């Protein structure tokens, strides 16, 4: 009788241990999937932030150009003009 009780307890503990191992493995898979999803969302959010920053900078630049007078828009700095004879010249020194 004692042997049957010990055997039943052993079977019960092995069954419980196996079920716990499967549960932990499933939780680990879920955790890995959640981490991958979080990383993907973080990258997506960073892309959205960069896009919003680019749009803001573009709008600020457009607003700056919109405030120029017509005369200021007609004046072209000499270093913007390309002279075929001076292709190799460093325009940064103008």
C-alpha atoms as a PDB file:
ATOM      1  CA  UNK A   1       0.000   0.000   0.000  1.00  0.00           C
ATOM      2  CA  UNK A   2       2.813   2.399   0.870  1.00  0.00           C
ATOM      3  CA  UNK A   3       4.461   1.577  -2.446  1.00  0.00           C
ATOM      4  CA  UNK A   4       1.283   2.508  -4.322  1.00  0.00           C
ATOM      5  CA  UNK A   5       1.097   5.829  -2.481  1.00  0.00           C
ATOM      6  CA  UNK A   6       4.743   6.581  -3.185  1.00  0.00           C
ATOM      7  CA  UNK A   7       4.290   5.577  -6.822  1.00  0.00           C
ATOM      8  CA  UNK A   8       1.155   7.753  -7.129  1.00  0.00           C
ATOM      9  CA  UNK A   9       2.991  10.685  -5.522  1.00  0.00           C
ATOM     10  CA  UNK A  10       5.906  10.183  -7.898  1.00  0.00           C
ATOM     11  CA  UNK A  11       3.603  10.101 -10.936  1.00  0.00           C
ATOM     12  CA  UNK A  12       1.757  13.175  -9.669  1.00  0.00           C
ATOM     13  CA  UNK A  13       4.980  15.099  -9.073  1.00  0.00           C
ATOM     14  CA  UNK A  14       6.366  14.141 -12.507  1.00  0.00           C
ATOM     15  CA  UNK A  15       3.112  15.147 -14.165  1.00  0.00           C
ATOM     16  CA  UNK A  16       3.046  18.442 -12.290  1.00  0.00           C
ATOM     17  CA  UNK A  17       6.720  19.090 -13.069  1.00  0.00           C
ATOM     18  CA  UNK A  18       6.195  18.326 -16.751  1.00  0.00           C
ATOM     19  CA  UNK A  19       3.185  20.598 -16.953  1.00  0.00           C
ATOM     20  CA  UNK A  20       5.130  23.385 -15.263  1.00  0.00           C
ATOM     21  CA  UNK A  21       8.020  22.918 -17.701  1.00  0.00           C
ATOM     22  CA  UNK A  22       5.631  23.168 -20.648  1.00  0.00           C
ATOM     23  CA  UNK A  23       3.985  26.220 -19.114  1.00  0.00           C
ATOM     24  CA  UNK A  24       7.358  27.936 -18.642  1.00  0.00           C
ATOM     25  CA  UNK A  25       8.397  27.092 -22.206  1.00  0.00           C
ATOM     26  CA  UNK A  26       5.159  28.582 -23.513  1.00  0.00           C
ATOM     27  CA  UNK A  27       5.619  31.695 -21.398  1.00  0.00           C
ATOM     28  CA  UNK A  28       9.175  32.053 -22.692  1.00  0.00           C
ATOM     29  CA  UNK A  29       7.957  31.870 -26.294  1.00  0.00           C
ATOM     30  CA  UNK A  30       5.312  34.484 -25.534  1.00  0.00           C
ATOM     31  CA  UNK A  31       7.932  36.710 -23.883  1.00  0.00           C
ATOM     32  CA  UNK A  32      10.259  36.408 -26.884  1.00  0.00           C
ATOM     33  CA  UNK A  33       7.396  37.233 -29.261  1.00  0.00           C
ATOM     34  CA  UNK A  34       6.393  40.208 -27.119  1.00  0.00           C
ATOM     35  CA  UNK A  35       9.990  41.475 -27.055  1.00  0.00           C
ATOM     36  CA  UNK A  36      10.204  41.220 -30.845  1.00  0.00           C
ATOM     37  CA  UNK A  37       6.891  43.044 -31.209  1.00  0.00           C
ATOM     38  CA  UNK A  38       8.066  45.766 -28.804  1.00  0.00           C
ATOM     39  CA  UNK A  39      11.296  46.214 -30.779  1.00  0.00           C
ATOM     40  CA  UNK A  40       9.360  46.487 -34.044  1.00  0.00           C
ATOM     41  CA  UNK A  41       6.993  49.048 -32.536  1.00  0.00           C
ATOM     42  CA  UNK A  42       9.923  51.047 -31.143  1.00  0.00           C
ATOM     43  CA  UNK A  43      11.480  51.197 -34.622  1.00  0.00           C
ATOM     44  CA  UNK A  44       8.161  52.182 -36.157  1.00  0.00           C
ATOM     45  CA  UNK A  45       7.720  54.929 -33.578  1.00  0.00           C
ATOM     46  CA  UNK A  46      11.268  56.196 -34.182  1.00  0.00           C
ATOM     47  CA  UNK A  47      10.489  56.356 -37.906  1.00  0.00           C
ATOM     48  CA  UNK A  48       7.320  58.327 -37.205  1.00  0.00           C
ATOM     49  CA  UNK A  49       9.235  60.742 -34.987  1.00  0.00           C
ATOM     50  CA  UNK A  50      11.888  61.247 -37.670  1.00  0.00           C
ATOM     51  CA  UNK A  51       9.199  61.855 -40.293  1.00  0.00           C
ATOM     52  CA  UNK A  52       7.474  64.394 -38.031  1.00  0.00           C
ATOM     53  CA  UNK A  53      10.805  66.153 -37.408  1.00  0.00           C
ATOM     54  CA  UNK A  54      11.480  66.274 -41.153  1.00  0.00           C
ATOM     55  CA  UNK A  55       8.044  67.738 -41.827  1.00  0.00           C
ATOM     56  CA  UNK A  56       8.538  70.357 -39.111  1.00  0.00           C
ATOM     57  CA  UNK A  57      11.967  71.324 -40.461  1.00  0.00           C
ATOM     58  CA  UNK A  58      10.571  71.505 -43.992  1.00  0.00           C
ATOM     59  CA  UNK A  59       7.717  73.743 -42.865  1.00  0.00           C
ATOM     60  CA  UNK A  60      10.128  76.012 -40.978  1.00  0.00           C
ATOM     61  CA  UNK A  61      12.320  76.257 -44.076  1.00  0.00           C
ATOM     62  CA  UNK A  62       9.301  77.020 -46.260  1.00  0.00           C
ATOM     63  CA  UNK A  63       8.154  79.693 -43.811  1.00  0.00           C
ATOM     64  CA  UNK A  64      11.617  81.250 -43.904  1.00  0.00           C
ATOM     65  CA  UNK A  65      11.559  81.402 -47.712  1.00  0.00           C
ATOM     66  CA  UNK A  66       7.999  82.766 -47.679  1.00  0.00           C
ATOM     67  CA  UNK A  67       9.160  85.776 -45.642  1.00  0.00           C
ATOM     68  CA  UNK A  68      11.710  86.831 -48.287  1.00  0.00           C
ATOM     69  CA  UNK A  69      10.858  89.780 -50.467  1.00  0.00           C
ATOM     70  CA  UNK A  70      10.722  89.500 -54.235  1.00  0.00           C
ATOM     71  CA  UNK A  71      14.039  91.326 -54.534  1.00  0.00           C
ATOM     72  CA  UNK A  72      15.676  88.917 -52.107  1.00  0.00           C
ATOM     73  CA  UNK A  73      14.342  86.007 -54.127  1.00  0.00           C
ATOM     74  CA  UNK A  74      15.868  87.386 -57.340  1.00  0.00           C
ATOM     75  CA  UNK A  75      19.366  87.805 -55.905  1.00  0.00           C
ATOM     76  CA  UNK A  76      21.448  84.693 -56.456  1.00  0.00           C
ATOM     77  CA  UNK A  77      24.718  84.400 -54.524  1.00  0.00           C
ATOM     78  CA  UNK A  78      27.691  84.085 -56.846  1.00  0.00           C
ATOM     79  CA  UNK A  79      28.783  80.776 -55.328  1.00  0.00           C
ATOM     80  CA  UNK A  80      25.468  79.258 -56.450  1.00  0.00           C
ATOM     81  CA  UNK A  81      26.294  79.991 -60.089  1.00  0.00           C
ATOM     82  CA  UNK A  82      28.403  77.436 -61.863  1.00  0.00           C
ATOM     83  CA  UNK A  83      30.978  78.699 -64.281  1.00  0.00           C
ATOM     84  CA  UNK A  84      32.099  76.092 -66.810  1.00  0.00           C
ATOM     85  CA  UNK A  85      35.660  77.484 -66.725  1.00  0.00           C
ATOM     86  CA  UNK A  86      35.987  77.031 -62.953  1.00  0.00           C
ATOM     87  CA  UNK A  87      34.572  73.555 -62.404  1.00  0.00           C
ATOM     88  CA  UNK A  88      37.428  72.534 -60.156  1.00  0.00           C
ATOM     89  CA  UNK A  89      37.314  75.684 -58.064  1.00  0.00           C
ATOM     90  CA  UNK A  90      36.357  75.365 -54.401  1.00  0.00           C
ATOM     91  CA  UNK A  91      33.074  77.271 -54.115  1.00  0.00           C
ATOM     92  CA  UNK A  92      33.230  77.242 -50.331  1.00  0.00           C
ATOM     93  CA  UNK A  93      35.964  79.907 -50.470  1.00  0.00           C
ATOM     94  CA  UNK A  94      33.761  82.423 -52.331  1.00  0.00           C
END
